[in-house]
């Protein structure tokens, strides 16, 4: 089995995503970049072996978080920031789907108004392609599965709440 060249993989992934966002513009301009303001407990989770020039902390659960004050160089954003508030989920057969990450419901206005928004389909195609690349690596595939479970649990909680 070949060892994953993580720096090359993430460079390829970042190139695929380019400047795409869920909208055809920088969606952070709509909400004052609400997702870009974290602290040691609310940063964006880094993917396995992903490096970041931002401040990196480890939360109580052991996840590495990139923390930003809202002024980072967009070209330096970690993957979680680039795909927010969506995520490439994986099912038990290894198929990749792009879904809303409902853990972001209280933060991102895109999720609250998703029925009214014309999202950029190029963004979703790119995120799905990225998910397929990630799923080829065992650590990344396990990470996708773990986060998919978290999203499913949170969605079930929200559905019971309504």
Protein backbone atom coordinates (compact mmCIF):
# COMPACT_ATOMS: atom_id res chain seq x y z
CA UNK A 1 0.00 0.00 0.00
CA UNK A 2 1.36 3.42 -0.97
CA UNK A 3 1.97 6.04 1.66
CA UNK A 4 -0.03 9.23 1.11
CA UNK A 5 1.95 12.34 0.24
CA UNK A 6 -0.25 14.62 2.35
CA UNK A 7 1.28 17.98 1.33
CA UNK A 8 0.79 17.07 -2.36
CA UNK A 9 -2.74 15.79 -1.73
CA UNK A 10 -3.82 18.97 0.07
CA UNK A 11 -2.15 21.16 -2.56
CA UNK A 12 -4.21 19.35 -5.21
CA UNK A 13 -7.39 19.66 -3.13
CA UNK A 14 -6.88 23.39 -2.56
CA UNK A 15 -6.33 23.85 -6.29
CA UNK A 16 -9.56 21.99 -7.12
CA UNK A 17 -11.52 24.25 -4.78
CA UNK A 18 -9.70 27.40 -5.90
CA UNK A 19 -11.75 30.46 -5.02
CA UNK A 20 -15.07 28.60 -5.10
CA UNK A 21 -17.53 29.19 -2.28
CA UNK A 22 -21.15 28.02 -1.94
CA UNK A 23 -22.12 31.30 -3.62
CA UNK A 24 -20.57 32.91 -6.66
CA UNK A 25 -18.92 35.45 -4.34
CA UNK A 26 -17.17 35.50 -0.98
CA UNK A 27 -20.07 34.45 1.22
CA UNK A 28 -18.27 35.81 4.31
CA UNK A 29 -19.11 39.30 3.13
CA UNK A 30 -22.79 38.63 3.90
CA UNK A 31 -22.36 37.76 7.56
CA UNK A 32 -19.23 39.65 8.52
CA UNK A 33 -17.20 36.44 8.21
CA UNK A 34 -18.92 34.86 11.22
CA UNK A 35 -17.16 31.55 10.58
CA UNK A 36 -13.75 33.23 10.65
CA UNK A 37 -13.84 34.26 14.27
CA UNK A 38 -12.75 31.42 16.48
CA UNK A 39 -10.90 30.88 19.70
CA UNK A 40 -8.98 27.99 21.21
CA UNK A 41 -12.24 26.02 21.50
CA UNK A 42 -14.11 27.06 18.36
CA UNK A 43 -11.61 26.95 15.52
CA UNK A 44 -12.01 24.92 12.37
CA UNK A 45 -11.00 21.26 12.62
CA UNK A 46 -7.99 20.30 10.53
CA UNK A 47 -8.18 17.18 8.38
CA UNK A 48 -5.67 14.36 9.03
CA UNK A 49 -2.09 15.49 8.46
CA UNK A 50 -3.27 18.89 7.19
CA UNK A 51 -0.93 21.73 8.08
CA UNK A 52 -1.94 25.33 8.65
CA UNK A 53 -0.05 28.60 9.03
CA UNK A 54 -2.80 29.73 11.43
CA UNK A 55 -2.59 29.21 15.16
CA UNK A 56 -3.31 25.54 15.83
CA UNK A 57 -4.70 24.28 19.12
CA UNK A 58 -6.00 20.92 20.27
CA UNK A 59 -9.47 20.74 21.78
CA UNK A 60 -10.60 18.50 24.65
CA UNK A 61 -11.54 15.77 22.19
CA UNK A 62 -8.05 15.72 20.68
CA UNK A 63 -8.97 17.41 17.40
CA UNK A 64 -6.53 19.91 16.00
CA UNK A 65 -8.19 23.27 15.36
CA UNK A 66 -7.01 26.16 13.18
CA UNK A 67 -7.94 29.42 14.89
CA UNK A 68 -8.44 32.66 12.99
CA UNK A 69 -9.35 36.18 14.01
CA UNK A 70 -11.00 36.89 10.67
CA UNK A 71 -7.94 38.36 8.95
CA UNK A 72 -6.19 35.34 7.42
CA UNK A 73 -4.94 35.16 3.86
CA UNK A 74 -7.78 33.34 2.04
CA UNK A 75 -5.21 31.34 0.07
CA UNK A 76 -3.92 29.92 3.37
CA UNK A 77 -7.28 28.71 4.73
CA UNK A 78 -7.54 25.10 5.86
CA UNK A 79 -9.89 22.73 4.08
CA UNK A 80 -12.68 23.01 6.67
CA UNK A 81 -12.83 26.75 6.01
CA UNK A 82 -12.86 26.28 2.25
CA UNK A 83 -15.87 23.93 2.29
CA UNK A 84 -17.83 25.48 5.19
CA UNK A 85 -20.78 25.11 5.85
CA UNK A 86 -20.86 21.92 3.79
CA UNK A 87 -19.02 18.63 4.15
CA UNK A 88 -18.23 15.61 1.95
CA UNK A 89 -20.02 12.86 3.86
CA UNK A 90 -19.40 9.18 3.24
CA UNK A 91 -21.85 6.31 3.48
CA UNK A 92 -21.22 2.69 4.47
CA UNK A 93 -20.48 1.79 0.83
CA UNK A 94 -17.86 4.54 0.54
CA UNK A 95 -19.98 6.82 -1.63
CA UNK A 96 -19.40 10.55 -1.20
CA UNK A 97 -22.21 13.09 -0.84
CA UNK A 98 -22.01 16.81 -0.21
CA UNK A 99 -24.31 17.81 2.64
CA UNK A 100 -25.02 20.79 4.79
CA UNK A 101 -23.01 20.58 7.97
CA UNK A 102 -25.81 21.22 10.44
CA UNK A 103 -23.28 21.76 13.22
CA UNK A 104 -23.03 25.23 11.65
CA UNK A 105 -26.76 26.02 11.87
CA UNK A 106 -26.40 28.65 14.59
CA UNK A 107 -23.50 30.37 12.87
CA UNK A 108 -24.04 30.42 9.12
CA UNK A 109 -26.97 32.28 7.55
CA UNK A 110 -26.58 30.21 4.36
CA UNK A 111 -28.05 27.20 6.14
CA UNK A 112 -30.95 29.13 7.60
CA UNK A 113 -31.88 30.50 4.16
CA UNK A 114 -30.80 27.53 2.03
CA UNK A 115 -34.24 27.16 0.44
CA UNK A 116 -33.99 30.68 -1.00
CA UNK A 117 -30.37 30.64 -2.18
CA UNK A 118 -29.05 29.75 -5.62
CA UNK A 119 -25.85 27.92 -4.68
CA UNK A 120 -22.95 27.58 -7.11
CA UNK A 121 -23.06 24.01 -8.51
CA UNK A 122 -19.33 24.21 -9.33
CA UNK A 123 -18.61 24.42 -5.60
CA UNK A 124 -20.57 21.22 -4.90
CA UNK A 125 -18.90 19.34 -7.74
CA UNK A 126 -15.50 20.42 -6.41
CA UNK A 127 -16.32 19.38 -2.82
CA UNK A 128 -17.53 15.97 -4.03
CA UNK A 129 -14.33 15.53 -6.04
CA UNK A 130 -12.31 16.51 -2.96
CA UNK A 131 -14.25 13.97 -0.88
CA UNK A 132 -13.38 11.22 -3.35
CA UNK A 133 -9.68 12.12 -3.13
CA UNK A 134 -9.81 12.13 0.67
CA UNK A 135 -11.61 8.78 0.76
CA UNK A 136 -8.64 7.11 -0.96
CA UNK A 137 -6.55 7.62 2.20
CA UNK A 138 -7.39 5.45 5.23
CA UNK A 139 -6.95 8.21 7.85
CA UNK A 140 -8.97 10.70 5.82
CA UNK A 141 -11.68 8.13 5.07
CA UNK A 142 -11.97 7.42 8.80
CA UNK A 143 -12.15 11.17 9.48
CA UNK A 144 -14.92 11.56 6.88
CA UNK A 145 -16.82 8.73 8.56
CA UNK A 146 -16.40 10.24 12.02
CA UNK A 147 -17.58 13.68 10.94
CA UNK A 148 -20.45 12.14 8.94
CA UNK A 149 -21.63 10.46 12.15
CA UNK A 150 -21.39 13.77 14.03
CA UNK A 151 -23.42 15.55 11.35
CA UNK A 152 -26.04 12.75 11.33
CA UNK A 153 -26.37 12.89 15.13
CA UNK A 154 -26.72 16.65 15.11
CA UNK A 155 -29.30 16.51 12.30
CA UNK A 156 -31.32 13.88 14.24
CA UNK A 157 -31.20 16.11 17.32
CA UNK A 158 -32.47 19.10 15.30
CA UNK A 159 -35.28 17.03 13.77
CA UNK A 160 -36.44 15.87 17.22
CA UNK A 161 -36.28 19.45 18.47
CA UNK A 162 -38.62 20.68 15.72
